[in-house]
Amino acid sequence: MISYKLRSWISLDKLNWDELSKNPNAIDLLEVNPEKINWTFLSMNPAAIYLLETNPEKIDWTFLSMNPAAIHLLEANPDKIDWYWIAMNPAAIHLIEANQDKIDWTYMHIWINPAAIHLIEAKPLYRMRWEWLSMNPAAMHLIEANPSKVDWNGLSINPAAMHLIEQNIINELLHNHYQDGTDWSRLSANPAAIDILEIHQDKIDYKCLSCNPSIFEAYETYTVEQRIDSLEYQLRQQRLINDTMNHKIVSLESQLNKQINLIQKTDSLETQLKHQIRAQKLRSLEAQLWKTN
């Protein structure tokens, strides 16, 4: 089973429990601190569906409308959908497409929805809302094709824009060359920026960092039964390796014995041949001696 723990350089004391309630990787932490859960913010947490389903009276349907794991609940309760917020839900694109008359393009949410990029692309370029589109990870082709229109505050939270963000930070820190400037509060919430944040901890906005999934590291946990199964598996594998090695040893011993026998036979033949050669030489010398006499 996969569990999550805070990275070693992040102090829990600096984090905000309201924002942690939004964080999908904070579920283990929230479960052992239920009194600190903000149920309004938890309603948008895709990893908290089982908690929400077992506590339906605590669901905030406005925030649930943003939750990509809650589509089955939203479809079962269409009268409770908040169309203002559901516009940013990538898992609700089929509902958005079927109810475009309910989508308000003058607000941010549809513009940051990566699943709605085909709807966004259908808009004329002059109607693009770049301050929001810069936040959309699916809009990088539009962002890179229109660098002068990039909103660096919005881009700072875009996990697909790290190559641009990193270069901007280098310009800011090394060359004192500012564009519109990196928004470190939004960058603190960017899951792809965790390595940069570790280096520049003095610039972190810990409230925003609290909702960043990357502040947690995954690790495997095992039940007693799983550990026993794992040890038994390792034992079986070791026995298999031992059996294989024993078989190879027996095979090598057999080959070695064959070679020894062959060498012994060869030595015996060589000895016999030497005796025969000596006997022939002796007979030849005796014959010559008789002829001389």
C-alpha atoms as a PDB file:
ATOM      1  CA  MET A   1       0.000   0.000   0.000  1.00  0.00           C
ATOM      2  CA  ILE A   2       1.267   3.485  -0.842  1.00  0.00           C
ATOM      3  CA  SER A   3       1.382   6.037   1.975  1.00  0.00           C
ATOM      4  CA  TYR A   4       2.725   9.583   2.097  1.00  0.00           C
ATOM      5  CA  LYS A   5       4.977  11.470   4.489  1.00  0.00           C
ATOM      6  CA  LEU A   6       6.222  15.057   4.524  1.00  0.00           C
ATOM      7  CA  ARG A   7       9.600  15.714   2.978  1.00  0.00           C
ATOM      8  CA  SER A   8      12.294  15.985   5.610  1.00  0.00           C
ATOM      9  CA  TRP A   9      12.945  19.694   5.005  1.00  0.00           C
ATOM     10  CA  ILE A  10       9.303  20.715   5.497  1.00  0.00           C
ATOM     11  CA  SER A  11       8.002  21.419   9.014  1.00  0.00           C
ATOM     12  CA  LEU A  12       4.374  20.558   9.730  1.00  0.00           C
ATOM     13  CA  ASP A  13       4.248  23.497  12.132  1.00  0.00           C
ATOM     14  CA  LYS A  14       4.609  25.882   9.183  1.00  0.00           C
ATOM     15  CA  LEU A  15       1.738  24.405   7.198  1.00  0.00           C
ATOM     16  CA  ASN A  16      -1.898  25.456   7.032  1.00  0.00           C
ATOM     17  CA  TRP A  17      -4.503  22.789   7.864  1.00  0.00           C
ATOM     18  CA  ASP A  18      -7.212  24.408   5.735  1.00  0.00           C
ATOM     19  CA  GLU A  19      -4.955  24.177   2.690  1.00  0.00           C
ATOM     20  CA  LEU A  20      -3.776  20.704   3.657  1.00  0.00           C
ATOM     21  CA  SER A  21      -7.425  19.628   3.444  1.00  0.00           C
ATOM     22  CA  LYS A  22      -7.200  20.304  -0.302  1.00  0.00           C
ATOM     23  CA  ASN A  23      -4.018  18.257  -0.707  1.00  0.00           C
ATOM     24  CA  PRO A  24      -4.603  14.756  -2.169  1.00  0.00           C
ATOM     25  CA  ASN A  25      -1.369  13.445  -0.649  1.00  0.00           C
ATOM     26  CA  ALA A  26      -2.267  14.698   2.841  1.00  0.00           C
ATOM     27  CA  ILE A  27      -5.000  12.092   3.430  1.00  0.00           C
ATOM     28  CA  ASP A  28      -2.882   9.963   5.783  1.00  0.00           C
ATOM     29  CA  LEU A  29      -2.100  13.065   7.821  1.00  0.00           C
ATOM     30  CA  LEU A  30      -5.716  14.245   7.837  1.00  0.00           C
ATOM     31  CA  GLU A  31      -7.056  10.854   8.909  1.00  0.00           C
ATOM     32  CA  VAL A  32      -4.953  10.940  12.086  1.00  0.00           C
ATOM     33  CA  ASN A  33      -5.946  14.563  12.706  1.00  0.00           C
ATOM     34  CA  PRO A  34      -9.694  14.548  11.877  1.00  0.00           C
ATOM     35  CA  GLU A  35     -10.407  17.517  14.132  1.00  0.00           C
ATOM     36  CA  LYS A  36      -8.236  19.672  11.857  1.00  0.00           C
ATOM     37  CA  ILE A  37     -10.057  18.816   8.630  1.00  0.00           C
ATOM     38  CA  ASN A  38     -11.728  21.666   6.789  1.00  0.00           C
ATOM     39  CA  TRP A  39     -14.668  19.829   5.199  1.00  0.00           C
ATOM     40  CA  THR A  40     -15.377  22.632   2.751  1.00  0.00           C
ATOM     41  CA  PHE A  41     -11.886  22.360   1.285  1.00  0.00           C
ATOM     42  CA  LEU A  42     -11.838  18.572   1.686  1.00  0.00           C
ATOM     43  CA  SER A  43     -14.823  18.452  -0.656  1.00  0.00           C
ATOM     44  CA  MET A  44     -12.506  19.382  -3.552  1.00  0.00           C
ATOM     45  CA  ASN A  45      -9.886  16.759  -2.612  1.00  0.00           C
ATOM     46  CA  PRO A  46      -9.921  13.863  -5.119  1.00  0.00           C
ATOM     47  CA  ALA A  47      -8.283  11.513  -2.603  1.00  0.00           C
ATOM     48  CA  ALA A  48     -10.977  12.126   0.009  1.00  0.00           C
ATOM     49  CA  ILE A  49     -13.997  10.668  -1.796  1.00  0.00           C
ATOM     50  CA  TYR A  50     -14.399   7.785   0.645  1.00  0.00           C
ATOM     51  CA  LEU A  51     -14.394  10.236   3.569  1.00  0.00           C
ATOM     52  CA  LEU A  52     -16.951  12.423   1.821  1.00  0.00           C
ATOM     53  CA  GLU A  53     -19.191   9.497   0.913  1.00  0.00           C
ATOM     54  CA  THR A  54     -19.199   8.313   4.527  1.00  0.00           C
ATOM     55  CA  ASN A  55     -19.925  11.857   5.739  1.00  0.00           C
ATOM     56  CA  PRO A  56     -22.388  13.176   3.118  1.00  0.00           C
ATOM     57  CA  GLU A  57     -23.805  15.771   5.494  1.00  0.00           C
ATOM     58  CA  LYS A  58     -20.383  17.468   5.538  1.00  0.00           C
ATOM     59  CA  ILE A  59     -20.068  17.805   1.753  1.00  0.00           C
ATOM     60  CA  ASP A  60     -19.825  21.292   0.329  1.00  0.00           C
ATOM     61  CA  TRP A  61     -21.355  20.868  -3.132  1.00  0.00           C
ATOM     62  CA  THR A  62     -19.820  24.079  -4.444  1.00  0.00           C
ATOM     63  CA  PHE A  63     -16.341  22.746  -3.789  1.00  0.00           C
ATOM     64  CA  LEU A  64     -17.320  19.190  -4.707  1.00  0.00           C
ATOM     65  CA  SER A  65     -18.143  20.518  -8.167  1.00  0.00           C
ATOM     66  CA  MET A  66     -14.391  21.041  -8.645  1.00  0.00           C
ATOM     67  CA  ASN A  67     -13.504  17.505  -7.574  1.00  0.00           C
ATOM     68  CA  PRO A  68     -12.474  15.287 -10.513  1.00  0.00           C
ATOM     69  CA  ALA A  69     -13.120  12.149  -8.458  1.00  0.00           C
ATOM     70  CA  ALA A  70     -16.692  13.163  -7.603  1.00  0.00           C
ATOM     71  CA  ILE A  71     -18.283  12.949 -11.049  1.00  0.00           C
ATOM     72  CA  HIS A  72     -20.492  10.036 -10.042  1.00  0.00           C
ATOM     73  CA  LEU A  73     -21.863  12.100  -7.126  1.00  0.00           C
ATOM     74  CA  LEU A  74     -22.384  15.165  -9.289  1.00  0.00           C
ATOM     75  CA  GLU A  75     -24.132  13.185 -12.023  1.00  0.00           C
ATOM     76  CA  ALA A  76     -26.399  11.628  -9.404  1.00  0.00           C
ATOM     77  CA  ASN A  77     -27.213  15.092  -8.001  1.00  0.00           C
ATOM     78  CA  PRO A  78     -27.320  17.446 -11.006  1.00  0.00           C
ATOM     79  CA  ASP A  79     -29.376  19.993  -9.067  1.00  0.00           C
ATOM     80  CA  LYS A  80     -26.451  20.444  -6.675  1.00  0.00           C
ATOM     81  CA  ILE A  81     -23.847  21.193  -9.350  1.00  0.00           C
ATOM     82  CA  ASP A  82     -22.277  24.626  -9.139  1.00  0.00           C
ATOM     83  CA  TRP A  83     -21.634  25.505 -12.785  1.00  0.00           C
ATOM     84  CA  TYR A  84     -19.347  28.361 -11.828  1.00  0.00           C
ATOM     85  CA  TRP A  85     -16.901  25.933 -10.223  1.00  0.00           C
ATOM     86  CA  ILE A  86     -17.456  22.808 -12.281  1.00  0.00           C
ATOM     87  CA  ALA A  87     -16.048  24.677 -15.268  1.00  0.00           C
ATOM     88  CA  MET A  88     -12.552  24.019 -13.919  1.00  0.00           C
ATOM     89  CA  ASN A  89     -13.128  20.273 -13.392  1.00  0.00           C
ATOM     90  CA  PRO A  90     -11.257  18.296 -16.084  1.00  0.00           C
ATOM     91  CA  ALA A  91     -13.284  15.152 -15.383  1.00  0.00           C
ATOM     92  CA  ALA A  92     -16.520  17.034 -16.032  1.00  0.00           C
ATOM     93  CA  ILE A  93     -15.728  18.026 -19.607  1.00  0.00           C
ATOM     94  CA  HIS A  94     -18.620  15.948 -20.937  1.00  0.00           C
ATOM     95  CA  LEU A  95     -21.006  17.899 -18.680  1.00  0.00           C
ATOM     96  CA  ILE A  96     -19.397  21.192 -19.696  1.00  0.00           C
ATOM     97  CA  GLU A  97     -19.683  20.373 -23.400  1.00  0.00           C
ATOM     98  CA  ALA A  98     -23.344  19.438 -22.987  1.00  0.00           C
ATOM     99  CA  ASN A  99     -24.137  22.597 -21.001  1.00  0.00           C
ATOM    100  CA  GLN A 100     -22.030  25.327 -22.585  1.00  0.00           C
ATOM    101  CA  ASP A 101     -24.806  27.828 -22.055  1.00  0.00           C
ATOM    102  CA  LYS A 102     -24.144  27.491 -18.308  1.00  0.00           C
ATOM    103  CA  ILE A 103     -20.431  28.279 -18.582  1.00  0.00           C
ATOM    104  CA  ASP A 104     -19.344  31.829 -17.828  1.00  0.00           C
ATOM    105  CA  TRP A 105     -16.266  32.696 -19.903  1.00  0.00           C
ATOM    106  CA  THR A 106     -15.759  35.956 -18.015  1.00  0.00           C
ATOM    107  CA  TYR A 107     -14.438  33.986 -15.046  1.00  0.00           C
ATOM    108  CA  MET A 108     -11.202  32.088 -14.600  1.00  0.00           C
ATOM    109  CA  HIS A 109     -12.350  28.514 -14.221  1.00  0.00           C
ATOM    110  CA  ILE A 110     -12.973  27.390 -17.796  1.00  0.00           C
ATOM    111  CA  TRP A 111      -9.679  28.984 -18.887  1.00  0.00           C
ATOM    112  CA  ILE A 112      -7.569  26.900 -16.511  1.00  0.00           C
ATOM    113  CA  ASN A 113      -9.294  23.593 -17.317  1.00  0.00           C
ATOM    114  CA  PRO A 114      -6.798  21.448 -19.295  1.00  0.00           C
ATOM    115  CA  ALA A 115      -9.599  19.246 -20.650  1.00  0.00           C
ATOM    116  CA  ALA A 116     -11.309  22.303 -22.147  1.00  0.00           C
ATOM    117  CA  ILE A 117      -8.389  23.324 -24.349  1.00  0.00           C
ATOM    118  CA  HIS A 118     -10.319  22.446 -27.527  1.00  0.00           C
ATOM    119  CA  LEU A 119     -13.085  24.842 -26.451  1.00  0.00           C
ATOM    120  CA  ILE A 120     -10.495  27.514 -25.644  1.00  0.00           C
ATOM    121  CA  GLU A 121      -8.727  27.088 -28.983  1.00  0.00           C
ATOM    122  CA  ALA A 122     -12.021  27.786 -30.733  1.00  0.00           C
ATOM    123  CA  LYS A 123     -11.971  31.309 -29.313  1.00  0.00           C
ATOM    124  CA  PRO A 124     -10.346  34.067 -31.400  1.00  0.00           C
ATOM    125  CA  LEU A 125      -6.866  35.024 -30.202  1.00  0.00           C
ATOM    126  CA  TYR A 126      -7.915  38.541 -29.233  1.00  0.00           C
ATOM    127  CA  ARG A 127     -10.488  37.120 -26.802  1.00  0.00           C
ATOM    128  CA  MET A 128      -7.985  34.959 -24.945  1.00  0.00           C
ATOM    129  CA  ARG A 129      -7.687  35.663 -21.223  1.00  0.00           C
ATOM    130  CA  TRP A 130      -3.933  35.289 -20.900  1.00  0.00           C
ATOM    131  CA  GLU A 131      -3.823  35.947 -17.165  1.00  0.00           C
ATOM    132  CA  TRP A 132      -5.811  32.720 -16.702  1.00  0.00           C
ATOM    133  CA  LEU A 133      -4.719  30.777 -19.756  1.00  0.00           C
ATOM    134  CA  SER A 134      -1.109  31.067 -18.522  1.00  0.00           C
ATOM    135  CA  MET A 135      -2.132  28.767 -15.657  1.00  0.00           C
ATOM    136  CA  ASN A 136      -3.365  25.995 -17.985  1.00  0.00           C
ATOM    137  CA  PRO A 137      -0.852  23.125 -18.467  1.00  0.00           C
ATOM    138  CA  ALA A 138      -2.566  22.107 -21.713  1.00  0.00           C
ATOM    139  CA  ALA A 139      -2.080  25.581 -23.233  1.00  0.00           C
ATOM    140  CA  MET A 140       1.715  25.546 -23.521  1.00  0.00           C
ATOM    141  CA  HIS A 141       1.601  25.610 -27.325  1.00  0.00           C
ATOM    142  CA  LEU A 142      -0.435  28.835 -27.156  1.00  0.00           C
ATOM    143  CA  ILE A 143       1.761  30.301 -24.420  1.00  0.00           C
ATOM    144  CA  GLU A 144       5.023  29.561 -26.222  1.00  0.00           C
ATOM    145  CA  ALA A 145       3.654  30.920 -29.498  1.00  0.00           C
ATOM    146  CA  ASN A 146       2.686  34.183 -27.772  1.00  0.00           C
ATOM    147  CA  PRO A 147       5.460  34.936 -25.240  1.00  0.00           C
ATOM    148  CA  SER A 148       4.628  38.644 -25.053  1.00  0.00           C
ATOM    149  CA  LYS A 149       1.157  37.790 -23.739  1.00  0.00           C
ATOM    150  CA  VAL A 150       2.344  35.502 -20.945  1.00  0.00           C
ATOM    151  CA  ASP A 151       1.173  36.423 -17.470  1.00  0.00           C
ATOM    152  CA  TRP A 152       4.062  35.417 -15.181  1.00  0.00           C
ATOM    153  CA  ASN A 153       1.895  35.432 -12.076  1.00  0.00           C
ATOM    154  CA  GLY A 154      -0.396  32.849 -13.627  1.00  0.00           C
ATOM    155  CA  LEU A 155       2.447  30.938 -15.265  1.00  0.00           C
ATOM    156  CA  SER A 156       4.124  30.458 -11.885  1.00  0.00           C
ATOM    157  CA  ILE A 157       1.542  27.836 -10.908  1.00  0.00           C
ATOM    158  CA  ASN A 158       1.667  26.007 -14.270  1.00  0.00           C
ATOM    159  CA  PRO A 159       3.452  22.636 -13.812  1.00  0.00           C
ATOM    160  CA  ALA A 160       4.074  22.353 -17.569  1.00  0.00           C
ATOM    161  CA  ALA A 161       5.915  25.678 -17.698  1.00  0.00           C
ATOM    162  CA  MET A 162       8.890  24.898 -15.477  1.00  0.00           C
ATOM    163  CA  HIS A 163      11.414  25.406 -18.286  1.00  0.00           C
ATOM    164  CA  LEU A 164      10.157  28.985 -18.700  1.00  0.00           C
ATOM    165  CA  ILE A 165       9.858  29.586 -14.954  1.00  0.00           C
ATOM    166  CA  GLU A 166      13.384  28.316 -14.258  1.00  0.00           C
ATOM    167  CA  GLN A 167      14.852  30.584 -16.935  1.00  0.00           C
ATOM    168  CA  ASN A 168      12.926  33.530 -15.532  1.00  0.00           C
ATOM    169  CA  ILE A 169      14.252  32.817 -12.040  1.00  0.00           C
ATOM    170  CA  ILE A 170      17.807  32.654 -13.394  1.00  0.00           C
ATOM    171  CA  ASN A 171      17.287  36.032 -15.065  1.00  0.00           C
ATOM    172  CA  GLU A 172      15.925  37.465 -11.831  1.00  0.00           C
ATOM    173  CA  LEU A 173      18.514  36.050  -9.452  1.00  0.00           C
ATOM    174  CA  LEU A 174      21.671  36.106 -11.535  1.00  0.00           C
ATOM    175  CA  HIS A 175      21.216  38.953 -13.986  1.00  0.00           C
ATOM    176  CA  ASN A 176      18.841  41.179 -12.034  1.00  0.00           C
ATOM    177  CA  HIS A 177      16.658  41.183 -15.153  1.00  0.00           C
ATOM    178  CA  TYR A 178      12.962  41.160 -14.307  1.00  0.00           C
ATOM    179  CA  GLN A 179      10.131  40.411 -16.673  1.00  0.00           C
ATOM    180  CA  ASP A 180       6.851  40.549 -14.778  1.00  0.00           C
ATOM    181  CA  GLY A 181       8.476  38.529 -12.008  1.00  0.00           C
ATOM    182  CA  THR A 182       7.889  35.060 -10.628  1.00  0.00           C
ATOM    183  CA  ASP A 183       4.996  34.828  -8.199  1.00  0.00           C
ATOM    184  CA  TRP A 184       6.540  32.809  -5.349  1.00  0.00           C
ATOM    185  CA  SER A 185       3.186  32.335  -3.643  1.00  0.00           C
ATOM    186  CA  ARG A 186       1.762  30.603  -6.680  1.00  0.00           C
ATOM    187  CA  LEU A 187       5.056  28.834  -7.338  1.00  0.00           C
ATOM    188  CA  SER A 188       4.804  27.445  -3.811  1.00  0.00           C
ATOM    189  CA  ALA A 189       1.664  25.593  -4.917  1.00  0.00           C
ATOM    190  CA  ASN A 190       3.257  24.299  -8.145  1.00  0.00           C
ATOM    191  CA  PRO A 191       3.854  20.518  -7.836  1.00  0.00           C
ATOM    192  CA  ALA A 192       6.639  20.630 -10.438  1.00  0.00           C
ATOM    193  CA  ALA A 193       8.581  23.312  -8.527  1.00  0.00           C
ATOM    194  CA  ILE A 194       9.435  21.357  -5.380  1.00  0.00           C
ATOM    195  CA  ASP A 195      13.189  21.202  -6.122  1.00  0.00           C
ATOM    196  CA  ILE A 196      13.367  24.964  -6.678  1.00  0.00           C
ATOM    197  CA  LEU A 197      11.377  25.583  -3.522  1.00  0.00           C
ATOM    198  CA  GLU A 198      13.760  23.442  -1.489  1.00  0.00           C
ATOM    199  CA  ILE A 199      16.650  25.609  -2.708  1.00  0.00           C
ATOM    200  CA  HIS A 200      14.820  28.909  -2.070  1.00  0.00           C
ATOM    201  CA  GLN A 201      13.034  28.153   1.188  1.00  0.00           C
ATOM    202  CA  ASP A 202      13.209  31.809   2.217  1.00  0.00           C
ATOM    203  CA  LYS A 203      10.808  32.660  -0.626  1.00  0.00           C
ATOM    204  CA  ILE A 204       8.184  30.000   0.165  1.00  0.00           C
ATOM    205  CA  ASP A 205       4.601  30.930   0.965  1.00  0.00           C
ATOM    206  CA  TYR A 206       3.808  28.113   3.397  1.00  0.00           C
ATOM    207  CA  LYS A 207       0.055  28.570   3.170  1.00  0.00           C
ATOM    208  CA  CYS A 208       0.204  27.980  -0.574  1.00  0.00           C
ATOM    209  CA  LEU A 209       2.791  25.235  -0.113  1.00  0.00           C
ATOM    210  CA  SER A 210       0.319  23.369   2.073  1.00  0.00           C
ATOM    211  CA  CYS A 211      -1.862  22.423  -0.891  1.00  0.00           C
ATOM    212  CA  ASN A 212       1.122  21.298  -3.017  1.00  0.00           C
ATOM    213  CA  PRO A 213       0.990  17.481  -3.446  1.00  0.00           C
ATOM    214  CA  SER A 214       4.767  17.324  -3.901  1.00  0.00           C
ATOM    215  CA  ILE A 215       5.484  18.307  -0.293  1.00  0.00           C
ATOM    216  CA  PHE A 216       4.797  14.647   0.429  1.00  0.00           C
ATOM    217  CA  GLU A 217       6.898  11.651  -0.550  1.00  0.00           C
ATOM    218  CA  ALA A 218       5.380   8.274  -1.318  1.00  0.00           C
ATOM    219  CA  TYR A 219       6.516   5.146   0.469  1.00  0.00           C
ATOM    220  CA  GLU A 220       5.209   1.604   0.674  1.00  0.00           C
ATOM    221  CA  THR A 221       3.612   0.250   3.831  1.00  0.00           C
ATOM    222  CA  TYR A 222       2.790  -3.392   4.487  1.00  0.00           C
ATOM    223  CA  THR A 223       0.360  -5.268   6.718  1.00  0.00           C
ATOM    224  CA  VAL A 224       1.683  -8.158   8.823  1.00  0.00           C
ATOM    225  CA  GLU A 225       0.196 -10.592   6.293  1.00  0.00           C
ATOM    226  CA  GLN A 226       1.892  -8.781   3.412  1.00  0.00           C
ATOM    227  CA  ARG A 227       5.224  -8.864   5.215  1.00  0.00           C
ATOM    228  CA  ILE A 228       4.865 -12.604   5.868  1.00  0.00           C
ATOM    229  CA  ASP A 229       3.968 -13.169   2.206  1.00  0.00           C
ATOM    230  CA  SER A 230       6.986 -11.104   1.169  1.00  0.00           C
ATOM    231  CA  LEU A 231       9.353 -13.068   3.435  1.00  0.00           C
ATOM    232  CA  GLU A 232       7.926 -16.391   2.231  1.00  0.00           C
ATOM    233  CA  TYR A 233       8.368 -15.260  -1.356  1.00  0.00           C
ATOM    234  CA  GLN A 234      11.979 -14.260  -0.654  1.00  0.00           C
ATOM    235  CA  LEU A 235      12.573 -17.658   0.999  1.00  0.00           C
ATOM    236  CA  ARG A 236      11.131 -19.484  -2.017  1.00  0.00           C
ATOM    237  CA  GLN A 237      13.307 -17.416  -4.344  1.00  0.00           C
ATOM    238  CA  GLN A 238      16.402 -18.164  -2.253  1.00  0.00           C
ATOM    239  CA  ARG A 239      15.596 -21.881  -2.278  1.00  0.00           C
ATOM    240  CA  LEU A 240      15.170 -21.750  -6.028  1.00  0.00           C
ATOM    241  CA  ILE A 241      18.525 -20.012  -6.369  1.00  0.00           C
ATOM    242  CA  ASN A 242      20.135 -22.586  -4.068  1.00  0.00           C
ATOM    243  CA  ASP A 243      18.607 -25.490  -6.009  1.00  0.00           C
ATOM    244  CA  THR A 244      19.816 -23.975  -9.251  1.00  0.00           C
ATOM    245  CA  MET A 245      23.322 -23.478  -7.827  1.00  0.00           C
ATOM    246  CA  ASN A 246      23.389 -27.029  -6.472  1.00  0.00           C
ATOM    247  CA  HIS A 247      22.346 -28.372  -9.856  1.00  0.00           C
ATOM    248  CA  LYS A 248      25.102 -26.352 -11.516  1.00  0.00           C
ATOM    249  CA  ILE A 249      27.651 -27.583  -8.952  1.00  0.00           C
ATOM    250  CA  VAL A 250      26.660 -31.218  -9.558  1.00  0.00           C
ATOM    251  CA  SER A 251      26.878 -30.648 -13.310  1.00  0.00           C
ATOM    252  CA  LEU A 252      30.310 -29.026 -12.996  1.00  0.00           C
ATOM    253  CA  GLU A 253      31.535 -31.860 -10.757  1.00  0.00           C
ATOM    254  CA  SER A 254      30.358 -34.375 -13.344  1.00  0.00           C
ATOM    255  CA  GLN A 255      32.146 -32.525 -16.134  1.00  0.00           C
ATOM    256  CA  LEU A 256      35.275 -32.221 -13.999  1.00  0.00           C
ATOM    257  CA  ASN A 257      35.271 -35.949 -13.233  1.00  0.00           C
ATOM    258  CA  LYS A 258      34.909 -36.691 -16.935  1.00  0.00           C
ATOM    259  CA  GLN A 259      37.867 -34.468 -17.707  1.00  0.00           C
ATOM    260  CA  ILE A 260      39.925 -36.099 -14.936  1.00  0.00           C
ATOM    261  CA  ASN A 261      39.086 -39.552 -16.296  1.00  0.00           C
ATOM    262  CA  LEU A 262      39.997 -38.412 -19.784  1.00  0.00           C
ATOM    263  CA  ILE A 263      43.303 -37.018 -18.534  1.00  0.00           C
ATOM    264  CA  GLN A 264      43.994 -40.233 -16.641  1.00  0.00           C
ATOM    265  CA  LYS A 265      43.233 -42.307 -19.746  1.00  0.00           C
ATOM    266  CA  THR A 266      45.462 -40.026 -21.796  1.00  0.00           C
ATOM    267  CA  ASP A 267      48.279 -40.368 -19.259  1.00  0.00           C
ATOM    268  CA  SER A 268      47.850 -44.160 -19.332  1.00  0.00           C
ATOM    269  CA  LEU A 269      48.002 -44.237 -23.130  1.00  0.00           C
ATOM    270  CA  GLU A 270      51.067 -42.001 -23.114  1.00  0.00           C
ATOM    271  CA  THR A 271      52.774 -44.323 -20.624  1.00  0.00           C
ATOM    272  CA  GLN A 272      51.935 -47.378 -22.719  1.00  0.00           C
ATOM    273  CA  LEU A 273      53.169 -45.632 -25.832  1.00  0.00           C
ATOM    274  CA  LYS A 274      56.450 -44.717 -24.140  1.00  0.00           C
ATOM    275  CA  HIS A 275      56.949 -48.342 -23.057  1.00  0.00           C
ATOM    276  CA  GLN A 276      56.246 -49.535 -26.595  1.00  0.00           C
ATOM    277  CA  ILE A 277      58.709 -47.017 -28.040  1.00  0.00           C
ATOM    278  CA  ARG A 278      61.398 -48.073 -25.562  1.00  0.00           C
ATOM    279  CA  ALA A 279      60.733 -51.751 -26.344  1.00  0.00           C
ATOM    280  CA  GLN A 280      60.994 -51.098 -30.083  1.00  0.00           C
ATOM    281  CA  LYS A 281      64.226 -49.164 -29.628  1.00  0.00           C
ATOM    282  CA  LEU A 282      65.612 -51.962 -27.476  1.00  0.00           C
ATOM    283  CA  ARG A 283      64.690 -54.603 -30.038  1.00  0.00           C
ATOM    284  CA  SER A 284      66.209 -52.476 -32.808  1.00  0.00           C
ATOM    285  CA  LEU A 285      69.486 -52.096 -30.874  1.00  0.00           C
ATOM    286  CA  GLU A 286      69.585 -55.822 -30.160  1.00  0.00           C
ATOM    287  CA  ALA A 287      69.052 -56.588 -33.860  1.00  0.00           C
ATOM    288  CA  GLN A 288      71.876 -54.254 -34.857  1.00  0.00           C
ATOM    289  CA  LEU A 289      74.135 -55.815 -32.238  1.00  0.00           C
ATOM    290  CA  TRP A 290      73.512 -59.321 -33.599  1.00  0.00           C
ATOM    291  CA  LYS A 291      74.286 -58.185 -37.088  1.00  0.00           C
ATOM    292  CA  THR A 292      77.571 -56.698 -35.950  1.00  0.00           C
ATOM    293  CA  ASN A 293      78.606 -59.916 -34.243  1.00  0.00           C
END
